[in-house]
Amino acid sequence: MDNVTQTGRKGKGIEVSFSGRGLTSFGGIGLLGGLMRKLRVKEALESKVQLARRERKYRLGNVLLSLIYARALDLERLSDTIALRKDGVFQQVVGFDDYPHQTSLSRFLSKFTVGAAKNIGEVSVGLRHTVRDRPGGQPQITLDMDSHVTTVYGKQQRARVGYNPKKPGRKSYHPLLCFVGETRDFLWGRFRSGDRNNVQDSKGFLRECLLRLGAEIKELFLRADSGFYSDNFLRYLEGKRGMAIWYAIVARLYPAIQAQLAGLAYRDIGSGVEVGEFRYQGLGWKKPRRMVVIREEIKEGEKKKKEPKLLELKGHTYQVIVTNIEDWLPEEVWRFYNERANVENMVKEGVMGYGLDVAVSHSYAGNMAHFFITMLTYNLMNWLKEGVLGQKKVKRMAKWVREHFFLIPGRLVRKGRKLILRLSQSYPWKQEYWRAEARLEVLKLPLPG
């Protein structure tokens, strides 16, 4: 029934017929395909990722690219990929002979080991060095650490009940993620069971991230939320040899810290925001640390802030940031930490843009592989925005990129021996698309910046 040509029902004078040939909804996907060819993504994956039990019908690199294209096109679940399996034009545009059936993709993910899954992450690390490393290295860099709860609805391996603010009591995974603040690149992640907390794994995770920075880093800035607030982690940051690590981490508002807030002297910095600071030595701490306090007035009729780490007290909200940066004003520490809001957008991009919130396999290693595929896709799209679409300062979300550059109706026709992809004449962003193709043609790596 794939070649249905009969006329369908008529409505409002328009006759419906499933008889179009050589059509695609994804006429602009060649931009991403071109970037991946320049970066030799397929070759990097095939050289690094090894599976003991292989999918016989498809090359490993092609299956991994199939999943990357699915993530980039917002096809979250394996069953959604039928849109690409049935689209022969898409397959020709990206250089495929075929697209795997969802059962093939499911079997493929089930064959992963933890080591093979991590190697997808290592490919992302290596590609990042290709894209970013410049002569002389980068003497200073900012890392943004965060975590995400991925709720599961089946019997996935190693899913556990733990911290889950949206679905309390339901099993989940709880991955850690680290991004580079200056470029928004995903650096590294740790895929974990849902019963793990951030304090348990913070030191080991940071060590993994530092190993993958590659370039000689002399000075490191680190931002993190209250999940990483512990004396043990702070002492590790302060005692790191061979590298100065300057941190700004949201403090947990324990009663002993709350007691300091009411009697503190505050300074108005405008727009209803006041700042103050105090020294605090928690139980078991070997020394006191600097605590920067931000107090904001709750205006009448104002909706409550969504940020759960804020304390509301007598008409104000309070946020406390622990830091070892001594020569910045309190508002400078606060503004520096607030730039971490980008990482919230990065995680949101992973969830809403690429399916980070979906567990597609019953296998723990399979879901870990999907996690690293998702974040590799995130990086590829980040580099596409910057190097091909020209979005250096303001980077659009994945949905915008898809709607403007990927989801272009087109027809593939043959003219003599030449194939021509004819895109929609009514496409409103023709000039932007031609400029993107021109940038891709002359793209040099590493990216400037």
Protein backbone atom coordinates (compact mmCIF):
# COMPACT_ATOMS: atom_id res chain seq x y z
CA MET A 1 0.00 0.00 0.00
CA ASP A 2 3.06 2.29 -0.16
CA ASN A 3 2.29 3.37 -3.76
CA VAL A 4 -1.29 4.52 -3.29
CA THR A 5 -2.38 6.60 -6.29
CA GLN A 6 -6.14 6.54 -6.09
CA THR A 7 -8.05 9.72 -5.40
CA GLY A 8 -9.16 10.29 -1.83
CA ARG A 9 -12.24 12.08 -0.58
CA LYS A 10 -13.03 15.59 -1.73
CA GLY A 11 -13.42 18.49 0.68
CA LYS A 12 -14.08 22.18 0.02
CA GLY A 13 -13.37 21.68 -3.66
CA ILE A 14 -9.87 20.24 -3.11
CA GLU A 15 -9.19 16.71 -4.23
CA VAL A 16 -6.76 14.68 -2.05
CA SER A 17 -4.48 12.13 -3.71
CA PHE A 18 -1.47 10.25 -2.27
CA SER A 19 0.37 10.18 -5.58
CA GLY A 20 3.28 12.61 -5.18
CA ARG A 21 6.71 11.14 -5.87
CA GLY A 22 10.20 12.34 -4.97
CA LEU A 23 8.90 14.54 -2.14
CA THR A 24 10.40 15.28 1.27
CA SER A 25 9.57 17.40 4.28
CA PHE A 26 13.25 17.67 5.25
CA GLY A 27 14.75 19.49 2.28
CA GLY A 28 17.22 21.50 4.36
CA ILE A 29 18.75 18.64 6.36
CA GLY A 30 21.73 18.65 3.99
CA LEU A 31 23.19 21.54 6.02
CA LEU A 32 23.64 19.27 9.02
CA GLY A 33 24.82 16.43 6.81
CA GLY A 34 27.43 18.69 5.24
CA LEU A 35 28.75 19.75 8.65
CA MET A 36 29.02 16.12 9.78
CA ARG A 37 30.95 15.24 6.64
CA LYS A 38 33.38 18.10 7.25
CA LEU A 39 33.88 16.90 10.81
CA ARG A 40 34.11 13.25 9.69
CA VAL A 41 31.60 12.29 12.38
CA LYS A 42 30.83 8.88 10.88
CA GLU A 43 34.51 7.94 10.68
CA ALA A 44 35.13 9.12 14.25
CA LEU A 45 32.24 7.01 15.56
CA GLU A 46 33.28 3.89 13.65
CA SER A 47 36.87 4.15 14.87
CA LYS A 48 35.95 4.70 18.53
CA VAL A 49 32.75 2.72 19.14
CA GLN A 50 33.02 -1.06 19.02
CA LEU A 51 30.22 -3.55 19.66
CA ALA A 52 30.82 -7.26 20.25
CA ARG A 53 27.47 -8.10 18.65
CA ARG A 54 26.99 -6.08 15.50
CA GLU A 55 23.89 -5.16 13.54
CA ARG A 56 24.57 -7.15 10.36
CA LYS A 57 22.43 -5.26 7.88
CA TYR A 58 23.70 -1.76 8.61
CA ARG A 59 27.13 -0.28 9.21
CA LEU A 60 27.60 0.91 12.79
CA GLY A 61 28.38 4.45 11.67
CA ASN A 62 25.20 4.67 9.59
CA VAL A 63 23.01 3.48 12.47
CA LEU A 64 24.54 6.06 14.80
CA LEU A 65 24.08 8.79 12.19
CA SER A 66 20.46 7.61 11.78
CA LEU A 67 19.88 8.24 15.48
CA ILE A 68 21.62 11.64 15.32
CA TYR A 69 19.37 12.74 12.44
CA ALA A 70 16.33 11.54 14.39
CA ARG A 71 17.40 13.59 17.42
CA ALA A 72 18.10 16.66 15.28
CA LEU A 73 14.64 16.41 13.67
CA ASP A 74 12.83 16.00 17.01
CA LEU A 75 11.81 12.38 16.43
CA GLU A 76 12.02 11.47 20.10
CA ARG A 77 10.90 7.85 20.06
CA LEU A 78 12.17 5.08 17.87
CA SER A 79 8.68 4.55 16.46
CA ASP A 80 8.76 8.15 15.16
CA THR A 81 11.66 7.32 12.83
CA ILE A 82 9.25 5.72 10.35
CA ALA A 83 9.06 9.23 8.85
CA LEU A 84 12.72 8.91 7.80
CA ARG A 85 12.46 5.24 6.83
CA LYS A 86 9.67 6.06 4.36
CA ASP A 87 11.39 9.20 3.00
CA GLY A 88 13.67 8.11 0.18
CA VAL A 89 14.59 11.69 -0.70
CA PHE A 90 15.84 12.34 2.84
CA GLN A 91 17.97 9.21 2.55
CA GLN A 92 19.50 10.36 -0.73
CA VAL A 93 20.19 13.86 0.62
CA VAL A 94 22.14 12.47 3.62
CA GLY A 95 23.83 9.71 1.61
CA PHE A 96 21.96 6.66 2.95
CA ASP A 97 20.89 3.64 0.93
CA ASP A 98 18.24 2.84 3.53
CA TYR A 99 17.09 3.85 7.00
CA PRO A 100 16.89 1.22 9.79
CA HIS A 101 13.55 -0.07 11.01
CA GLN A 102 12.70 0.85 14.60
CA THR A 103 13.21 -2.78 15.68
CA SER A 104 16.74 -2.64 14.23
CA LEU A 105 17.43 0.54 16.18
CA SER A 106 16.07 -1.05 19.36
CA ARG A 107 18.25 -4.15 18.91
CA PHE A 108 21.23 -1.96 18.16
CA LEU A 109 20.89 -0.02 21.43
CA SER A 110 20.39 -3.24 23.41
CA LYS A 111 23.83 -4.46 22.25
CA PHE A 112 25.70 -1.60 23.91
CA THR A 113 28.00 -2.03 26.86
CA VAL A 114 28.70 0.83 29.26
CA GLY A 115 32.18 1.23 27.79
CA ALA A 116 30.88 1.46 24.21
CA ALA A 117 28.26 4.01 25.28
CA LYS A 118 30.91 6.18 26.95
CA ASN A 119 32.96 6.05 23.78
CA ILE A 120 30.22 7.99 21.99
CA GLY A 121 30.86 10.70 24.60
CA GLU A 122 34.58 10.46 23.88
CA VAL A 123 33.86 11.05 20.19
CA SER A 124 32.00 14.23 21.18
CA VAL A 125 35.03 15.29 23.26
CA GLY A 126 37.37 14.68 20.33
CA LEU A 127 35.16 16.59 17.90
CA ARG A 128 35.01 19.49 20.35
CA HIS A 129 38.81 19.68 20.32
CA THR A 130 38.69 19.78 16.50
CA VAL A 131 36.13 22.59 16.57
CA ARG A 132 37.55 24.66 19.43
CA ASP A 133 41.25 24.07 20.10
CA ARG A 134 43.39 26.94 18.84
CA PRO A 135 47.17 27.49 18.95
CA GLY A 136 48.19 28.54 22.46
CA GLY A 137 45.21 26.88 24.10
CA GLN A 138 42.68 28.63 26.31
CA PRO A 139 44.17 29.91 29.59
CA GLN A 140 40.77 30.50 31.24
CA ILE A 141 37.48 28.63 30.99
CA THR A 142 34.14 28.44 32.79
CA LEU A 143 32.39 25.15 33.57
CA ASP A 144 28.69 24.94 34.37
CA MET A 145 27.66 21.77 36.18
CA ASP A 146 24.07 20.58 36.46
CA SER A 147 21.93 17.47 36.70
CA HIS A 148 18.67 16.31 35.16
CA VAL A 149 16.01 13.84 36.20
CA THR A 150 14.74 11.56 33.40
CA THR A 151 11.55 9.83 34.52
CA VAL A 152 10.94 6.33 33.16
CA TYR A 153 7.62 4.53 32.74
CA GLY A 154 8.70 0.93 32.28
CA LYS A 155 11.15 -1.56 33.75
CA GLN A 156 14.38 -0.01 32.50
CA GLN A 157 17.58 -1.44 33.95
CA ARG A 158 19.07 0.48 36.89
CA ALA A 159 16.26 3.02 37.01
CA ARG A 160 15.71 3.83 40.69
CA VAL A 161 13.43 5.91 42.88
CA GLY A 162 15.19 9.03 44.09
CA TYR A 163 14.94 12.82 43.85
CA ASN A 164 12.20 13.50 41.31
CA PRO A 165 10.43 16.84 41.83
CA LYS A 166 8.04 16.42 38.89
CA LYS A 167 7.06 12.77 39.46
CA PRO A 168 7.76 11.96 43.14
CA GLY A 169 8.02 8.22 43.81
CA ARG A 170 8.56 7.25 40.19
CA LYS A 171 11.75 5.60 38.95
CA SER A 172 14.23 7.68 37.01
CA TYR A 173 17.75 8.22 35.77
CA HIS A 174 19.71 11.18 37.13
CA PRO A 175 22.55 12.16 34.75
CA LEU A 176 25.15 14.81 35.54
CA LEU A 177 26.06 17.26 32.78
CA CYS A 178 28.90 19.73 32.31
CA PHE A 179 28.92 22.57 29.76
CA VAL A 180 31.54 25.13 28.75
CA GLY A 181 30.11 28.52 29.67
CA GLU A 182 31.90 30.53 26.97
CA THR A 183 30.75 28.41 24.02
CA ARG A 184 27.74 26.45 25.38
CA ASP A 185 29.38 23.19 24.28
CA PHE A 186 28.51 20.02 26.15
CA LEU A 187 31.79 18.77 27.63
CA TRP A 188 30.99 15.56 29.50
CA GLY A 189 28.26 13.70 31.33
CA ARG A 190 27.79 10.88 33.81
CA PHE A 191 24.71 8.71 33.29
CA ARG A 192 23.44 7.50 36.69
CA SER A 193 20.62 5.69 38.44
CA GLY A 194 17.90 7.87 39.86
CA ASP A 195 18.86 7.31 43.49
CA ARG A 196 22.24 9.04 43.13
CA ASN A 197 22.69 12.60 44.40
CA ASN A 198 25.11 15.24 43.17
CA VAL A 199 27.21 15.44 46.35
CA GLN A 200 28.04 11.72 46.09
CA ASP A 201 29.57 12.07 42.66
CA SER A 202 30.69 15.71 42.40
CA LYS A 203 34.46 15.24 42.88
CA GLY A 204 34.78 12.25 40.59
CA PHE A 205 32.63 13.91 37.95
CA LEU A 206 34.72 17.09 38.00
CA ARG A 207 37.89 15.01 37.63
CA GLU A 208 36.37 13.37 34.54
CA CYS A 209 35.53 16.81 33.11
CA LEU A 210 39.00 18.23 33.74
CA LEU A 211 40.61 15.25 32.01
CA ARG A 212 38.56 16.03 28.89
CA LEU A 213 39.32 19.74 28.67
CA GLY A 214 42.49 18.88 26.83
CA ALA A 215 43.98 22.33 26.30
CA GLU A 216 46.26 23.79 28.97
CA ILE A 217 43.90 25.51 31.39
CA LYS A 218 45.57 27.76 33.94
CA GLU A 219 42.46 29.25 35.51
CA LEU A 220 39.04 27.66 35.90
CA PHE A 221 35.74 29.23 36.95
CA LEU A 222 32.98 26.89 38.09
CA ARG A 223 29.26 27.49 38.63
CA ALA A 224 26.80 25.01 40.10
CA ASP A 225 23.50 24.86 41.94
CA SER A 226 22.89 23.78 45.53
CA GLY A 227 23.04 20.09 44.60
CA PHE A 228 26.84 20.48 44.59
CA TYR A 229 27.00 22.39 47.89
CA SER A 230 29.12 20.45 50.37
CA ASP A 231 32.26 21.14 52.41
CA ASN A 232 33.91 18.07 50.90
CA PHE A 233 33.47 19.35 47.33
CA LEU A 234 34.47 22.92 48.23
CA ARG A 235 37.66 21.68 49.89
CA TYR A 236 38.45 19.67 46.76
CA LEU A 237 38.07 22.81 44.62
CA GLU A 238 40.20 24.88 46.96
CA GLY A 239 42.96 22.28 47.18
CA LYS A 240 43.28 21.41 43.48
CA ARG A 241 46.98 21.48 42.63
CA GLY A 242 48.32 23.11 39.49
CA MET A 243 45.10 25.00 38.76
CA ALA A 244 43.25 27.91 40.33
CA ILE A 245 39.54 27.07 40.57
CA TRP A 246 37.22 29.97 41.37
CA TYR A 247 33.70 28.87 42.24
CA ALA A 248 30.23 30.32 42.77
CA ILE A 249 27.81 27.69 44.11
CA VAL A 250 24.35 28.21 45.54
CA ALA A 251 24.29 27.37 49.26
CA ARG A 252 21.65 25.21 50.87
CA LEU A 253 19.60 27.45 53.13
CA TYR A 254 19.99 25.52 56.37
CA PRO A 255 18.53 27.16 59.55
CA ALA A 256 22.02 28.32 60.64
CA ILE A 257 22.37 30.26 57.38
CA GLN A 258 18.81 31.59 57.51
CA ALA A 259 19.56 32.99 60.97
CA GLN A 260 22.22 35.25 59.44
CA LEU A 261 19.91 36.86 56.89
CA ALA A 262 17.53 39.00 58.95
CA GLY A 263 20.16 41.08 60.75
CA LEU A 264 22.48 41.54 57.79
CA ALA A 265 23.34 44.99 56.37
CA TYR A 266 22.18 45.22 52.74
CA ARG A 267 23.11 47.62 49.96
CA ASP A 268 20.59 48.62 47.28
CA ILE A 269 21.84 48.00 43.71
CA GLY A 270 18.59 49.00 42.00
CA SER A 271 15.40 47.38 40.66
CA GLY A 272 14.40 46.14 44.12
CA VAL A 273 17.60 44.11 44.54
CA GLU A 274 19.88 44.38 47.56
CA VAL A 275 23.15 42.61 48.30
CA GLY A 276 25.07 41.72 51.44
CA GLU A 277 27.62 39.23 52.64
CA PHE A 278 28.86 37.41 55.70
CA ARG A 279 31.38 34.77 56.72
CA TYR A 280 30.08 31.34 57.62
CA GLN A 281 31.78 28.26 59.01
CA GLY A 282 29.52 25.25 58.89
CA LEU A 283 29.68 22.27 61.22
CA GLY A 284 32.87 20.34 60.53
CA TRP A 285 34.32 23.02 58.24
CA LYS A 286 37.98 23.84 58.80
CA LYS A 287 37.55 27.50 57.88
CA PRO A 288 34.84 30.11 57.26
CA ARG A 289 33.82 30.96 53.69
CA ARG A 290 32.41 34.01 51.97
CA MET A 291 28.63 34.00 51.57
CA VAL A 292 27.09 36.50 49.15
CA VAL A 293 23.41 37.25 49.77
CA ILE A 294 20.94 38.58 47.22
CA ARG A 295 17.68 39.93 48.58
CA GLU A 296 14.87 40.85 46.20
CA GLU A 297 11.65 42.57 47.17
CA ILE A 298 8.45 40.69 46.37
CA LYS A 299 6.26 43.30 44.73
CA GLU A 300 2.53 43.27 45.26
CA GLY A 301 0.77 41.06 42.77
CA GLU A 302 4.04 39.60 41.54
CA LYS A 303 4.01 35.90 40.76
CA LYS A 304 6.26 33.71 42.84
CA LYS A 305 9.58 32.91 41.24
CA LYS A 306 9.94 29.41 39.83
CA GLU A 307 13.46 29.03 41.24
CA PRO A 308 13.06 26.54 44.11
CA LYS A 309 16.36 27.48 45.79
CA LEU A 310 15.06 30.90 46.89
CA LEU A 311 13.89 31.51 50.45
CA GLU A 312 10.88 33.77 50.96
CA LEU A 313 10.96 35.75 54.21
CA LYS A 314 9.02 38.88 55.23
CA GLY A 315 8.35 40.27 51.76
CA HIS A 316 11.69 39.31 50.23
CA THR A 317 13.31 36.38 48.49
CA TYR A 318 16.84 35.40 49.44
CA GLN A 319 19.56 33.58 47.58
CA VAL A 320 22.96 32.75 49.08
CA ILE A 321 26.04 31.99 46.98
CA VAL A 322 29.20 30.54 48.52
CA THR A 323 32.35 31.67 46.72
CA ASN A 324 36.12 31.86 47.06
CA ILE A 325 36.27 34.93 44.79
CA GLU A 326 37.30 37.61 47.27
CA ASP A 327 38.01 40.64 45.06
CA TRP A 328 34.61 40.92 43.36
CA LEU A 329 31.73 42.98 44.71
CA PRO A 330 28.71 40.93 45.85
CA GLU A 331 26.70 42.03 42.82
CA GLU A 332 29.54 40.94 40.52
CA VAL A 333 29.48 37.46 42.04
CA TRP A 334 25.70 37.38 41.64
CA ARG A 335 25.81 38.51 38.00
CA PHE A 336 28.53 35.99 37.24
CA TYR A 337 26.43 33.21 38.75
CA ASN A 338 23.35 34.42 36.89
CA GLU A 339 25.13 33.79 33.60
CA ARG A 340 24.72 30.15 34.59
CA ALA A 341 21.10 30.59 33.52
CA ASN A 342 22.48 29.62 30.12
CA VAL A 343 23.06 26.09 31.40
CA GLU A 344 19.38 25.84 32.33
CA ASN A 345 18.63 26.75 28.71
CA MET A 346 21.16 24.17 27.53
CA VAL A 347 19.47 21.40 29.54
CA LYS A 348 16.08 22.69 28.35
CA GLU A 349 17.43 22.51 24.80
CA GLY A 350 18.47 18.91 25.41
CA VAL A 351 15.05 18.02 26.83
CA MET A 352 12.77 19.94 24.47
CA GLY A 353 15.00 19.94 21.41
CA TYR A 354 16.63 16.52 21.28
CA GLY A 355 14.74 14.06 23.49
CA LEU A 356 17.00 14.05 26.56
CA ASP A 357 13.91 13.35 28.67
CA VAL A 358 13.08 10.07 26.90
CA ALA A 359 14.43 6.61 27.81
CA VAL A 360 14.21 4.67 24.55
CA SER A 361 15.67 1.32 25.64
CA HIS A 362 15.14 -1.21 28.42
CA SER A 363 18.91 -1.56 28.64
CA TYR A 364 20.88 0.69 31.00
CA ALA A 365 23.83 0.84 28.57
CA GLY A 366 21.41 1.43 25.68
CA ASN A 367 19.92 4.42 27.48
CA MET A 368 23.42 5.65 28.27
CA ALA A 369 24.27 5.41 24.57
CA HIS A 370 21.12 7.37 23.76
CA PHE A 371 22.15 10.00 26.33
CA PHE A 372 25.54 10.50 24.68
CA ILE A 373 23.99 10.43 21.17
CA THR A 374 21.58 13.14 22.31
CA MET A 375 24.35 15.33 23.68
CA LEU A 376 26.54 14.75 20.59
CA THR A 377 23.57 15.95 18.53
CA TYR A 378 23.28 18.97 20.82
CA ASN A 379 26.95 19.82 20.14
CA LEU A 380 26.63 19.33 16.39
CA MET A 381 23.64 21.66 16.34
CA ASN A 382 25.50 24.18 18.51
CA TRP A 383 28.40 24.21 16.03
CA LEU A 384 25.96 24.37 13.10
CA LYS A 385 24.32 27.47 14.59
CA GLU A 386 27.66 29.14 15.10
CA GLY A 387 29.70 28.12 12.06
CA VAL A 388 27.00 27.64 9.39
CA LEU A 389 24.03 29.77 10.45
CA GLY A 390 26.19 32.66 11.71
CA GLN A 391 24.63 32.72 15.19
CA LYS A 392 27.67 33.66 17.28
CA LYS A 393 26.19 35.82 20.06
CA VAL A 394 22.51 34.90 20.05
CA LYS A 395 21.90 31.21 19.35
CA ARG A 396 18.37 30.16 18.49
CA MET A 397 16.69 27.12 19.98
CA ALA A 398 16.50 23.85 18.06
CA LYS A 399 12.84 24.34 17.15
CA TRP A 400 13.65 27.61 15.38
CA VAL A 401 16.52 26.03 13.44
CA ARG A 402 14.32 23.14 12.29
CA GLU A 403 11.47 25.37 11.18
CA HIS A 404 13.73 27.81 9.34
CA PHE A 405 16.34 25.52 7.79
CA PHE A 406 15.45 21.79 7.98
CA LEU A 407 11.69 21.52 7.40
CA ILE A 408 11.68 22.80 3.83
CA PRO A 409 9.34 20.94 1.44
CA GLY A 410 11.22 19.74 -1.63
CA ARG A 411 11.08 17.47 -4.65
CA LEU A 412 14.01 15.46 -5.99
CA VAL A 413 14.11 15.39 -9.79
CA ARG A 414 16.57 14.05 -12.33
CA LYS A 415 17.79 16.28 -15.14
CA GLY A 416 19.97 14.26 -17.46
CA ARG A 417 22.49 12.56 -15.18
CA LYS A 418 22.11 15.18 -12.47
CA LEU A 419 19.85 15.06 -9.40
CA ILE A 420 18.32 18.38 -8.35
CA LEU A 421 16.52 18.99 -5.06
CA ARG A 422 13.89 21.62 -5.81
CA LEU A 423 12.88 23.34 -2.60
CA SER A 424 9.60 25.12 -2.06
CA GLN A 425 9.30 28.31 -4.13
CA SER A 426 7.33 29.93 -1.30
CA TYR A 427 10.08 29.27 1.28
CA PRO A 428 10.50 32.71 2.96
CA TRP A 429 14.15 32.44 4.08
CA LYS A 430 15.90 31.72 0.78
CA GLN A 431 18.66 34.29 1.28
CA GLU A 432 19.43 33.03 4.79
CA TYR A 433 19.65 29.48 3.44
CA TRP A 434 22.04 30.46 0.61
CA ARG A 435 24.23 32.31 3.11
CA ALA A 436 24.29 29.19 5.31
CA GLU A 437 25.35 27.03 2.35
CA ALA A 438 28.08 29.54 1.50
CA ARG A 439 29.42 29.49 5.08
CA LEU A 440 29.41 25.69 5.07
CA GLU A 441 31.35 25.62 1.81
CA VAL A 442 34.22 27.74 3.20
CA LEU A 443 34.01 26.61 6.83
CA LYS A 444 37.42 26.35 8.50
CA LEU A 445 38.15 24.58 11.76
CA PRO A 446 38.68 25.38 14.54
CA LEU A 447 35.87 27.92 14.67
CA PRO A 448 37.01 31.52 15.27
CA GLY A 449 36.24 33.05 18.64
